PDB file of N, CA and C in Angstrom:
ATOM      1  N   MET A   1     -83.666 -41.385  -2.719  1.00  0.00           N
ATOM      2  CA  MET A   1     -84.347 -40.808  -3.848  1.00  0.00           C
ATOM      3  C   MET A   1     -85.729 -41.441  -3.994  1.00  0.00           C
ATOM      4  N   ILE A   2     -86.715 -40.603  -4.304  1.00  0.00           N
ATOM      5  CA  ILE A   2     -88.058 -41.088  -4.633  1.00  0.00           C
ATOM      6  C   ILE A   2     -88.028 -41.501  -6.092  1.00  0.00           C
ATOM      7  N   LYS A   3     -88.440 -42.741  -6.361  1.00  0.00           N
ATOM      8  CA  LYS A   3     -88.484 -43.248  -7.729  1.00  0.00           C
ATOM      9  C   LYS A   3     -89.936 -43.489  -8.121  1.00  0.00           C
ATOM     10  N   VAL A   4     -90.307 -42.944  -9.270  1.00  0.00           N
ATOM     11  CA  VAL A   4     -91.664 -43.095  -9.787  1.00  0.00           C
ATOM     12  C   VAL A   4     -91.570 -43.856 -11.100  1.00  0.00           C
ATOM     13  N   LYS A   5     -92.175 -45.027 -11.152  1.00  0.00           N
ATOM     14  CA  LYS A   5     -92.174 -45.845 -12.372  1.00  0.00           C
ATOM     15  C   LYS A   5     -93.586 -45.873 -12.932  1.00  0.00           C
ATOM     16  N   ILE A   6     -93.709 -45.451 -14.182  1.00  0.00           N
ATOM     17  CA  ILE A   6     -95.011 -45.330 -14.841  1.00  0.00           C
ATOM     18  C   ILE A   6     -95.147 -46.411 -15.908  1.00  0.00           C
ATOM     19  N   THR A   7     -96.292 -47.092 -15.920  1.00  0.00           N
ATOM     20  CA  THR A   7     -96.583 -48.089 -16.942  1.00  0.00           C
ATOM     21  C   THR A   7     -97.820 -47.652 -17.709  1.00  0.00           C
ATOM     22  N   LYS A   8     -97.674 -47.619 -19.042  1.00  0.00           N
ATOM     23  CA  LYS A   8     -98.796 -47.259 -19.911  1.00  0.00           C
ATOM     24  C   LYS A   8     -99.085 -48.414 -20.866  1.00  0.00           C
ATOM     25  N   ASP A   9    -100.338 -48.507 -21.274  1.00  0.00           N
ATOM     26  CA  ASP A   9    -100.770 -49.437 -22.308  1.00  0.00           C
ATOM     27  C   ASP A   9    -101.368 -48.583 -23.409  1.00  0.00           C
ATOM     28  N   LYS A  10    -100.652 -48.469 -24.512  1.00  0.00           N
ATOM     29  CA  LYS A  10    -101.035 -47.559 -25.598  1.00  0.00           C
ATOM     30  C   LYS A  10    -101.044 -46.143 -25.035  1.00  0.00           C
ATOM     31  N   SER A  11    -102.196 -45.515 -24.975  1.00  0.00           N
ATOM     32  CA  SER A  11    -102.240 -44.132 -24.488  1.00  0.00           C
ATOM     33  C   SER A  11    -102.788 -44.015 -23.068  1.00  0.00           C
ATOM     34  N   ASN A  12    -103.075 -45.139 -22.424  1.00  0.00           N
ATOM     35  CA  ASN A  12    -103.668 -45.109 -21.090  1.00  0.00           C
ATOM     36  C   ASN A  12    -102.673 -45.524 -20.017  1.00  0.00           C
ATOM     37  N   TYR A  13    -102.718 -44.791 -18.903  1.00  0.00           N
ATOM     38  CA  TYR A  13    -101.899 -45.151 -17.748  1.00  0.00           C
ATOM     39  C   TYR A  13    -102.501 -46.385 -17.091  1.00  0.00           C
ATOM     40  N   LYS A  14    -101.638 -47.334 -16.715  1.00  0.00           N
ATOM     41  CA  LYS A  14    -102.106 -48.584 -16.116  1.00  0.00           C
ATOM     42  C   LYS A  14    -101.611 -48.770 -14.682  1.00  0.00           C
ATOM     43  N   LYS A  15    -100.359 -48.401 -14.413  1.00  0.00           N
ATOM     44  CA  LYS A  15     -99.805 -48.631 -13.084  1.00  0.00           C
ATOM     45  C   LYS A  15     -98.730 -47.588 -12.802  1.00  0.00           C
ATOM     46  N   ILE A  16     -98.652 -47.183 -11.546  1.00  0.00           N
ATOM     47  CA  ILE A  16     -97.605 -46.283 -11.089  1.00  0.00           C
ATOM     48  C   ILE A  16     -97.088 -46.830  -9.764  1.00  0.00           C
ATOM     49  N   VAL A  17     -95.780 -46.974  -9.677  1.00  0.00           N
ATOM     50  CA  VAL A  17     -95.147 -47.439  -8.440  1.00  0.00           C
ATOM     51  C   VAL A  17     -94.221 -46.333  -7.962  1.00  0.00           C
ATOM     52  N   ILE A  18     -94.417 -45.931  -6.714  1.00  0.00           N
ATOM     53  CA  ILE A  18     -93.598 -44.882  -6.104  1.00  0.00           C
ATOM     54  C   ILE A  18     -92.891 -45.495  -4.908  1.00  0.00           C
ATOM     55  N   SER A  19     -91.560 -45.381  -4.899  1.00  0.00           N
ATOM     56  CA  SER A  19     -90.785 -45.994  -3.822  1.00  0.00           C
ATOM     57  C   SER A  19     -89.626 -45.086  -3.427  1.00  0.00           C
ATOM     58  N   GLY A  20     -89.050 -45.385  -2.301  1.00  0.00           N
ATOM     59  CA  GLY A  20     -87.882 -44.663  -1.830  1.00  0.00           C
ATOM     60  C   GLY A  20     -88.223 -43.450  -0.978  1.00  0.00           C
ATOM     61  N   HIS A  21     -87.173 -42.749  -0.599  1.00  0.00           N
ATOM     62  CA  HIS A  21     -87.297 -41.551   0.224  1.00  0.00           C
ATOM     63  C   HIS A  21     -86.466 -40.446  -0.402  1.00  0.00           C
ATOM     64  N   ALA A  22     -86.947 -39.225  -0.316  1.00  0.00           N
ATOM     65  CA  ALA A  22     -86.260 -38.098  -0.948  1.00  0.00           C
ATOM     66  C   ALA A  22     -84.907 -37.825  -0.308  1.00  0.00           C
ATOM     67  N   GLN A  23     -84.820 -37.994   0.994  1.00  0.00           N
ATOM     68  CA  GLN A  23     -83.591 -37.719   1.750  1.00  0.00           C
ATOM     69  C   GLN A  23     -83.126 -36.273   1.562  1.00  0.00           C
ATOM     70  N   TYR A  24     -84.085 -35.382   1.419  1.00  0.00           N
ATOM     71  CA  TYR A  24     -83.787 -33.952   1.313  1.00  0.00           C
ATOM     72  C   TYR A  24     -83.506 -33.353   2.686  1.00  0.00           C
ATOM     73  N   ALA A  25     -84.238 -33.850   3.685  1.00  0.00           N
ATOM     74  CA  ALA A  25     -84.085 -33.367   5.063  1.00  0.00           C
ATOM     75  C   ALA A  25     -84.421 -34.517   6.004  1.00  0.00           C
ATOM     76  N   GLU A  26     -84.310 -34.260   7.300  1.00  0.00           N
ATOM     77  CA  GLU A  26     -84.626 -35.277   8.299  1.00  0.00           C
ATOM     78  C   GLU A  26     -86.087 -35.704   8.204  1.00  0.00           C
ATOM     79  N   TYR A  27     -86.327 -36.955   8.607  1.00  0.00           N
ATOM     80  CA  TYR A  27     -87.680 -37.483   8.635  1.00  0.00           C
ATOM     81  C   TYR A  27     -88.571 -36.530   9.430  1.00  0.00           C
ATOM     82  N   GLY A  28     -89.729 -36.209   8.873  1.00  0.00           N
ATOM     83  CA  GLY A  28     -90.660 -35.295   9.519  1.00  0.00           C
ATOM     84  C   GLY A  28     -90.472 -33.852   9.107  1.00  0.00           C
ATOM     85  N   SER A  29     -89.355 -33.556   8.458  1.00  0.00           N
ATOM     86  CA  SER A  29     -89.067 -32.192   7.994  1.00  0.00           C
ATOM     87  C   SER A  29     -88.766 -32.143   6.505  1.00  0.00           C
ATOM     88  N   ASP A  30     -88.978 -33.238   5.817  1.00  0.00           N
ATOM     89  CA  ASP A  30     -88.595 -33.350   4.409  1.00  0.00           C
ATOM     90  C   ASP A  30     -89.708 -32.792   3.516  1.00  0.00           C
ATOM     91  N   ILE A  31     -89.477 -31.599   2.952  1.00  0.00           N
ATOM     92  CA  ILE A  31     -90.502 -30.954   2.128  1.00  0.00           C
ATOM     93  C   ILE A  31     -90.720 -31.674   0.798  1.00  0.00           C
ATOM     94  N   VAL A  32     -89.702 -32.365   0.305  1.00  0.00           N
ATOM     95  CA  VAL A  32     -89.850 -33.086  -0.961  1.00  0.00           C
ATOM     96  C   VAL A  32     -90.743 -34.308  -0.759  1.00  0.00           C
ATOM     97  N   CYS A  33     -90.527 -35.052   0.302  1.00  0.00           N
ATOM     98  CA  CYS A  33     -91.403 -36.188   0.627  1.00  0.00           C
ATOM     99  C   CYS A  33     -92.833 -35.706   0.871  1.00  0.00           C
ATOM    100  N   SER A  34     -92.953 -34.609   1.572  1.00  0.00           N
ATOM    101  CA  SER A  34     -94.268 -34.052   1.858  1.00  0.00           C
ATOM    102  C   SER A  34     -94.993 -33.670   0.570  1.00  0.00           C
ATOM    103  N   ALA A  35     -94.282 -33.040  -0.345  1.00  0.00           N
ATOM    104  CA  ALA A  35     -94.894 -32.643  -1.617  1.00  0.00           C
ATOM    105  C   ALA A  35     -95.335 -33.867  -2.414  1.00  0.00           C
ATOM    106  N   ALA A  36     -94.471 -34.883  -2.510  1.00  0.00           N
ATOM    107  CA  ALA A  36     -94.814 -36.098  -3.258  1.00  0.00           C
ATOM    108  C   ALA A  36     -96.020 -36.795  -2.624  1.00  0.00           C
ATOM    109  N   SER A  37     -96.047 -36.863  -1.309  1.00  0.00           N
ATOM    110  CA  SER A  37     -97.176 -37.491  -0.611  1.00  0.00           C
ATOM    111  C   SER A  37     -98.465 -36.720  -0.853  1.00  0.00           C
ATOM    112  N   SER A  38     -98.396 -35.410  -0.791  1.00  0.00           N
ATOM    113  CA  SER A  38     -99.585 -34.573  -1.013  1.00  0.00           C
ATOM    114  C   SER A  38    -100.123 -34.735  -2.427  1.00  0.00           C
ATOM    115  N   ILE A  39     -99.217 -34.733  -3.401  1.00  0.00           N
ATOM    116  CA  ILE A  39     -99.624 -34.886  -4.803  1.00  0.00           C
ATOM    117  C   ILE A  39    -100.341 -36.219  -5.002  1.00  0.00           C
ATOM    118  N   THR A  40     -99.750 -37.294  -4.513  1.00  0.00           N
ATOM    119  CA  THR A  40    -100.332 -38.617  -4.752  1.00  0.00           C
ATOM    120  C   THR A  40    -101.616 -38.837  -3.949  1.00  0.00           C
ATOM    121  N   THR A  41    -101.620 -38.424  -2.699  1.00  0.00           N
ATOM    122  CA  THR A  41    -102.813 -38.610  -1.863  1.00  0.00           C
ATOM    123  C   THR A  41    -104.001 -37.823  -2.410  1.00  0.00           C
ATOM    124  N   THR A  42    -103.769 -36.588  -2.820  1.00  0.00           N
ATOM    125  CA  THR A  42    -104.842 -35.765  -3.371  1.00  0.00           C
ATOM    126  C   THR A  42    -105.399 -36.384  -4.648  1.00  0.00           C
ATOM    127  N   THR A  43    -104.517 -36.889  -5.490  1.00  0.00           N
ATOM    128  CA  THR A  43    -104.964 -37.507  -6.745  1.00  0.00           C
ATOM    129  C   THR A  43    -105.772 -38.768  -6.478  1.00  0.00           C
ATOM    130  N   ILE A  44    -105.263 -39.643  -5.628  1.00  0.00           N
ATOM    131  CA  ILE A  44    -105.976 -40.885  -5.303  1.00  0.00           C
ATOM    132  C   ILE A  44    -107.349 -40.565  -4.721  1.00  0.00           C
ATOM    133  N   ASN A  45    -107.408 -39.672  -3.747  1.00  0.00           N
ATOM    134  CA  ASN A  45    -108.689 -39.334  -3.118  1.00  0.00           C
ATOM    135  C   ASN A  45    -109.647 -38.692  -4.106  1.00  0.00           C
ATOM    136  N   GLY A  46    -109.129 -37.841  -4.996  1.00  0.00           N
ATOM    137  CA  GLY A  46    -109.979 -37.203  -5.999  1.00  0.00           C
ATOM    138  C   GLY A  46    -110.597 -38.213  -6.943  1.00  0.00           C
ATOM    139  N   ILE A  47    -109.785 -39.122  -7.438  1.00  0.00           N
ATOM    140  CA  ILE A  47    -110.302 -40.143  -8.363  1.00  0.00           C
ATOM    141  C   ILE A  47    -111.319 -41.037  -7.663  1.00  0.00           C
ATOM    142  N   LEU A  48    -110.998 -41.486  -6.457  1.00  0.00           N
ATOM    143  CA  LEU A  48    -111.916 -42.371  -5.740  1.00  0.00           C
ATOM    144  C   LEU A  48    -113.225 -41.683  -5.365  1.00  0.00           C
ATOM    145  N   SER A  49    -113.193 -40.367  -5.162  1.00  0.00           N
ATOM    146  CA  SER A  49    -114.438 -39.659  -4.849  1.00  0.00           C
ATOM    147  C   SER A  49    -115.352 -39.559  -6.074  1.00  0.00           C
ATOM    148  N   LEU A  50    -114.744 -39.600  -7.272  1.00  0.00           N
ATOM    149  CA  LEU A  50    -115.527 -39.532  -8.506  1.00  0.00           C
ATOM    150  C   LEU A  50    -115.913 -40.913  -9.033  1.00  0.00           C
ATOM    151  N   ASN A  51    -115.050 -41.894  -8.783  1.00  0.00           N
ATOM    152  CA  ASN A  51    -115.262 -43.246  -9.302  1.00  0.00           C
ATOM    153  C   ASN A  51    -114.583 -44.222  -8.350  1.00  0.00           C
ATOM    154  N   LYS A  52    -115.358 -44.829  -7.474  1.00  0.00           N
ATOM    155  CA  LYS A  52    -114.773 -45.688  -6.442  1.00  0.00           C
ATOM    156  C   LYS A  52    -114.018 -46.884  -7.006  1.00  0.00           C
ATOM    157  N   ASP A  53    -114.283 -47.225  -8.267  1.00  0.00           N
ATOM    158  CA  ASP A  53    -113.583 -48.330  -8.907  1.00  0.00           C
ATOM    159  C   ASP A  53    -112.515 -47.847  -9.890  1.00  0.00           C
ATOM    160  N   GLY A  54    -112.246 -46.552  -9.914  1.00  0.00           N
ATOM    161  CA  GLY A  54    -111.322 -45.977 -10.885  1.00  0.00           C
ATOM    162  C   GLY A  54    -109.885 -46.429 -10.718  1.00  0.00           C
ATOM    163  N   LEU A  55    -109.520 -46.742  -9.485  1.00  0.00           N
ATOM    164  CA  LEU A  55    -108.171 -47.234  -9.227  1.00  0.00           C
ATOM    165  C   LEU A  55    -108.164 -48.013  -7.935  1.00  0.00           C
ATOM    166  N   SER A  56    -107.088 -48.747  -7.748  1.00  0.00           N
ATOM    167  CA  SER A  56    -106.834 -49.404  -6.472  1.00  0.00           C
ATOM    168  C   SER A  56    -105.390 -49.113  -6.117  1.00  0.00           C
ATOM    169  N   TYR A  57    -105.078 -49.218  -4.849  1.00  0.00           N
ATOM    170  CA  TYR A  57    -103.705 -48.942  -4.428  1.00  0.00           C
ATOM    171  C   TYR A  57    -103.358 -49.791  -3.226  1.00  0.00           C
ATOM    172  N   LYS A  58    -102.063 -49.977  -3.062  1.00  0.00           N
ATOM    173  CA  LYS A  58    -101.592 -50.666  -1.860  1.00  0.00           C
ATOM    174  C   LYS A  58    -100.250 -50.072  -1.463  1.00  0.00           C
ATOM    175  N   ILE A  59    -100.029 -50.081  -0.179  1.00  0.00           N
ATOM    176  CA  ILE A  59     -98.783 -49.586   0.393  1.00  0.00           C
ATOM    177  C   ILE A  59     -98.066 -50.783   0.996  1.00  0.00           C
ATOM    178  N   SER A  60     -96.838 -51.007   0.565  1.00  0.00           N
ATOM    179  CA  SER A  60     -96.086 -52.162   1.042  1.00  0.00           C
ATOM    180  C   SER A  60     -95.546 -51.900   2.448  1.00  0.00           C
ATOM    181  N   ALA A  61     -95.060 -52.942   3.079  1.00  0.00           N
ATOM    182  CA  ALA A  61     -94.451 -52.824   4.409  1.00  0.00           C
ATOM    183  C   ALA A  61     -93.228 -51.915   4.370  1.00  0.00           C
ATOM    184  N   GLN A  62     -92.575 -51.834   3.212  1.00  0.00           N
ATOM    185  CA  GLN A  62     -91.395 -50.976   3.059  1.00  0.00           C
ATOM    186  C   GLN A  62     -91.775 -49.534   2.734  1.00  0.00           C
ATOM    187  N   GLY A  63     -93.071 -49.280   2.511  1.00  0.00           N
ATOM    188  CA  GLY A  63     -93.540 -47.924   2.286  1.00  0.00           C
ATOM    189  C   GLY A  63     -93.731 -47.529   0.841  1.00  0.00           C
ATOM    190  N   SER A  64     -93.518 -48.452  -0.099  1.00  0.00           N
ATOM    191  CA  SER A  64     -93.756 -48.087  -1.497  1.00  0.00           C
ATOM    192  C   SER A  64     -95.262 -48.087  -1.766  1.00  0.00           C
ATOM    193  N   LEU A  65     -95.651 -47.274  -2.736  1.00  0.00           N
ATOM    194  CA  LEU A  65     -97.054 -47.124  -3.111  1.00  0.00           C
ATOM    195  C   LEU A  65     -97.230 -47.651  -4.524  1.00  0.00           C
ATOM    196  N   GLU A  66     -98.163 -48.577  -4.701  1.00  0.00           N
ATOM    197  CA  GLU A  66     -98.482 -49.103  -6.026  1.00  0.00           C
ATOM    198  C   GLU A  66     -99.914 -48.735  -6.362  1.00  0.00           C
ATOM    199  N   ILE A  67    -100.077 -47.961  -7.429  1.00  0.00           N
ATOM    200  CA  ILE A  67    -101.394 -47.523  -7.888  1.00  0.00           C
ATOM    201  C   ILE A  67    -101.719 -48.281  -9.169  1.00  0.00           C
ATOM    202  N   THR A  68    -102.848 -48.963  -9.187  1.00  0.00           N
ATOM    203  CA  THR A  68    -103.324 -49.648 -10.383  1.00  0.00           C
ATOM    204  C   THR A  68    -104.536 -48.884 -10.894  1.00  0.00           C
ATOM    205  N   ILE A  69    -104.434 -48.389 -12.120  1.00  0.00           N
ATOM    206  CA  ILE A  69    -105.519 -47.608 -12.708  1.00  0.00           C
ATOM    207  C   ILE A  69    -106.460 -48.573 -13.416  1.00  0.00           C
ATOM    208  N   ASN A  70    -107.694 -48.634 -12.935  1.00  0.00           N
ATOM    209  CA  ASN A  70    -108.672 -49.584 -13.449  1.00  0.00           C
ATOM    210  C   ASN A  70    -109.574 -48.984 -14.518  1.00  0.00           C
ATOM    211  N   SER A  71    -109.554 -47.671 -14.656  1.00  0.00           N
ATOM    212  CA  SER A  71    -110.483 -47.004 -15.562  1.00  0.00           C
ATOM    213  C   SER A  71    -109.727 -46.215 -16.626  1.00  0.00           C
ATOM    214  N   ASN A  72    -110.212 -46.306 -17.855  1.00  0.00           N
ATOM    215  CA  ASN A  72    -109.635 -45.543 -18.947  1.00  0.00           C
ATOM    216  C   ASN A  72    -110.446 -44.293 -19.261  1.00  0.00           C
ATOM    217  N   ASP A  73    -111.407 -43.950 -18.381  1.00  0.00           N
ATOM    218  CA  ASP A  73    -112.237 -42.788 -18.663  1.00  0.00           C
ATOM    219  C   ASP A  73    -111.395 -41.507 -18.643  1.00  0.00           C
ATOM    220  N   HIS A  74    -111.896 -40.507 -19.316  1.00  0.00           N
ATOM    221  CA  HIS A  74    -111.149 -39.261 -19.516  1.00  0.00           C
ATOM    222  C   HIS A  74    -110.759 -38.589 -18.195  1.00  0.00           C
ATOM    223  N   ILE A  75    -111.659 -38.535 -17.246  1.00  0.00           N
ATOM    224  CA  ILE A  75    -111.376 -37.838 -15.977  1.00  0.00           C
ATOM    225  C   ILE A  75    -110.277 -38.556 -15.206  1.00  0.00           C
ATOM    226  N   THR A  76    -110.373 -39.867 -15.070  1.00  0.00           N
ATOM    227  CA  THR A  76    -109.351 -40.618 -14.339  1.00  0.00           C
ATOM    228  C   THR A  76    -107.990 -40.462 -15.001  1.00  0.00           C
ATOM    229  N   GLN A  77    -107.937 -40.644 -16.296  1.00  0.00           N
ATOM    230  CA  GLN A  77    -106.666 -40.544 -17.010  1.00  0.00           C
ATOM    231  C   GLN A  77    -106.093 -39.119 -16.940  1.00  0.00           C
ATOM    232  N   THR A  78    -106.952 -38.118 -16.989  1.00  0.00           N
ATOM    233  CA  THR A  78    -106.495 -36.724 -16.888  1.00  0.00           C
ATOM    234  C   THR A  78    -105.939 -36.429 -15.503  1.00  0.00           C
ATOM    235  N   LEU A  79    -106.596 -36.919 -14.468  1.00  0.00           N
ATOM    236  CA  LEU A  79    -106.100 -36.694 -13.107  1.00  0.00           C
ATOM    237  C   LEU A  79    -104.775 -37.416 -12.879  1.00  0.00           C
ATOM    238  N   ILE A  80    -104.626 -38.617 -13.418  1.00  0.00           N
ATOM    239  CA  ILE A  80    -103.343 -39.340 -13.312  1.00  0.00           C
ATOM    240  C   ILE A  80    -102.261 -38.573 -14.075  1.00  0.00           C
ATOM    241  N   GLU A  81    -102.578 -38.101 -15.256  1.00  0.00           N
ATOM    242  CA  GLU A  81    -101.605 -37.328 -16.036  1.00  0.00           C
ATOM    243  C   GLU A  81    -101.200 -36.056 -15.286  1.00  0.00           C
ATOM    244  N   ASN A  82    -102.149 -35.411 -14.658  1.00  0.00           N
ATOM    245  CA  ASN A  82    -101.845 -34.228 -13.853  1.00  0.00           C
ATOM    246  C   ASN A  82    -100.911 -34.585 -12.703  1.00  0.00           C
ATOM    247  N   MET A  83    -101.168 -35.706 -12.029  1.00  0.00           N
ATOM    248  CA  MET A  83    -100.301 -36.150 -10.936  1.00  0.00           C
ATOM    249  C   MET A  83     -98.880 -36.365 -11.450  1.00  0.00           C
ATOM    250  N   ILE A  84     -98.749 -37.036 -12.581  1.00  0.00           N
ATOM    251  CA  ILE A  84     -97.427 -37.288 -13.159  1.00  0.00           C
ATOM    252  C   ILE A  84     -96.729 -35.973 -13.511  1.00  0.00           C
ATOM    253  N   ASN A  85     -97.466 -35.042 -14.092  1.00  0.00           N
ATOM    254  CA  ASN A  85     -96.880 -33.738 -14.428  1.00  0.00           C
ATOM    255  C   ASN A  85     -96.396 -33.005 -13.178  1.00  0.00           C
ATOM    256  N   LEU A  86     -97.153 -33.079 -12.107  1.00  0.00           N
ATOM    257  CA  LEU A  86     -96.740 -32.449 -10.853  1.00  0.00           C
ATOM    258  C   LEU A  86     -95.490 -33.122 -10.288  1.00  0.00           C
ATOM    259  N   LEU A  87     -95.438 -34.444 -10.361  1.00  0.00           N
ATOM    260  CA  LEU A  87     -94.245 -35.160  -9.894  1.00  0.00           C
ATOM    261  C   LEU A  87     -93.034 -34.840 -10.767  1.00  0.00           C
ATOM    262  N   LYS A  88     -93.237 -34.658 -12.069  1.00  0.00           N
ATOM    263  CA  LYS A  88     -92.143 -34.257 -12.961  1.00  0.00           C
ATOM    264  C   LYS A  88     -91.669 -32.841 -12.641  1.00  0.00           C
ATOM    265  N   GLU A  89     -92.587 -31.974 -12.293  1.00  0.00           N
ATOM    266  CA  GLU A  89     -92.210 -30.616 -11.882  1.00  0.00           C
ATOM    267  C   GLU A  89     -91.392 -30.669 -10.593  1.00  0.00           C
ATOM    268  N   LEU A  90     -91.790 -31.516  -9.665  1.00  0.00           N
ATOM    269  CA  LEU A  90     -91.027 -31.713  -8.431  1.00  0.00           C
ATOM    270  C   LEU A  90     -89.635 -32.244  -8.763  1.00  0.00           C
ATOM    271  N   GLU A  91     -89.568 -33.172  -9.702  1.00  0.00           N
ATOM    272  CA  GLU A  91     -88.284 -33.717 -10.143  1.00  0.00           C
ATOM    273  C   GLU A  91     -87.400 -32.614 -10.735  1.00  0.00           C
ATOM    274  N   SER A  92     -87.982 -31.704 -11.503  1.00  0.00           N
ATOM    275  CA  SER A  92     -87.181 -30.631 -12.113  1.00  0.00           C
ATOM    276  C   SER A  92     -86.615 -29.684 -11.057  1.00  0.00           C
ATOM    277  N   GLN A  93     -87.318 -29.541  -9.947  1.00  0.00           N
ATOM    278  CA  GLN A  93     -86.846 -28.674  -8.863  1.00  0.00           C
ATOM    279  C   GLN A  93     -85.872 -29.381  -7.925  1.00  0.00           C
ATOM    280  N   TYR A  94     -86.011 -30.706  -7.810  1.00  0.00           N
ATOM    281  CA  TYR A  94     -85.170 -31.498  -6.898  1.00  0.00           C
ATOM    282  C   TYR A  94     -84.659 -32.752  -7.621  1.00  0.00           C
ATOM    283  N   PRO A  95     -83.824 -32.589  -8.643  1.00  0.00           N
ATOM    284  CA  PRO A  95     -83.409 -33.732  -9.475  1.00  0.00           C
ATOM    285  C   PRO A  95     -82.567 -34.782  -8.741  1.00  0.00           C
ATOM    286  N   THR A  96     -81.956 -34.430  -7.627  1.00  0.00           N
ATOM    287  CA  THR A  96     -81.195 -35.430  -6.881  1.00  0.00           C
ATOM    288  C   THR A  96     -82.063 -36.182  -5.877  1.00  0.00           C
ATOM    289  N   ASN A  97     -83.348 -35.781  -5.784  1.00  0.00           N
ATOM    290  CA  ASN A  97     -84.236 -36.391  -4.800  1.00  0.00           C
ATOM    291  C   ASN A  97     -85.428 -37.125  -5.395  1.00  0.00           C
ATOM    292  N   VAL A  98     -85.751 -36.829  -6.661  1.00  0.00           N
ATOM    293  CA  VAL A  98     -86.926 -37.422  -7.311  1.00  0.00           C
ATOM    294  C   VAL A  98     -86.536 -37.843  -8.727  1.00  0.00           C
ATOM    295  N   ASN A  99     -86.979 -39.053  -9.112  1.00  0.00           N
ATOM    296  CA  ASN A  99     -86.753 -39.551 -10.464  1.00  0.00           C
ATOM    297  C   ASN A  99     -88.058 -40.132 -10.983  1.00  0.00           C
ATOM    298  N   VAL A 100     -88.554 -39.587 -12.096  1.00  0.00           N
ATOM    299  CA  VAL A 100     -89.797 -40.049 -12.712  1.00  0.00           C
ATOM    300  C   VAL A 100     -89.453 -40.671 -14.052  1.00  0.00           C
ATOM    301  N   LYS A 101     -89.856 -41.939 -14.231  1.00  0.00           N
ATOM    302  CA  LYS A 101     -89.600 -42.594 -15.531  1.00  0.00           C
ATOM    303  C   LYS A 101     -90.764 -43.464 -15.940  1.00  0.00           C
TER     304      LYS A 101
END
């Protein structure tokens, strides 16, 4: 299961950790993993193209992704919120493969 853990400070997103595997299909054919990767990669690249200091991220040796949101500006926070909403929509379609909390 893909697990998404969201940390907020008041009304601003501060950190998101994404770990695990969807296990929907075989490696290389898993549409749920592909969707989650596309959502997160597009969001990270979009924010960094607008504000190179807007966030930082690291990928662990085990494959988990940790996103630290450095900016509270409206665009960064809106794009992060959009990413979370998309991941929640993915969770609603594949509840045994994705968990967002």
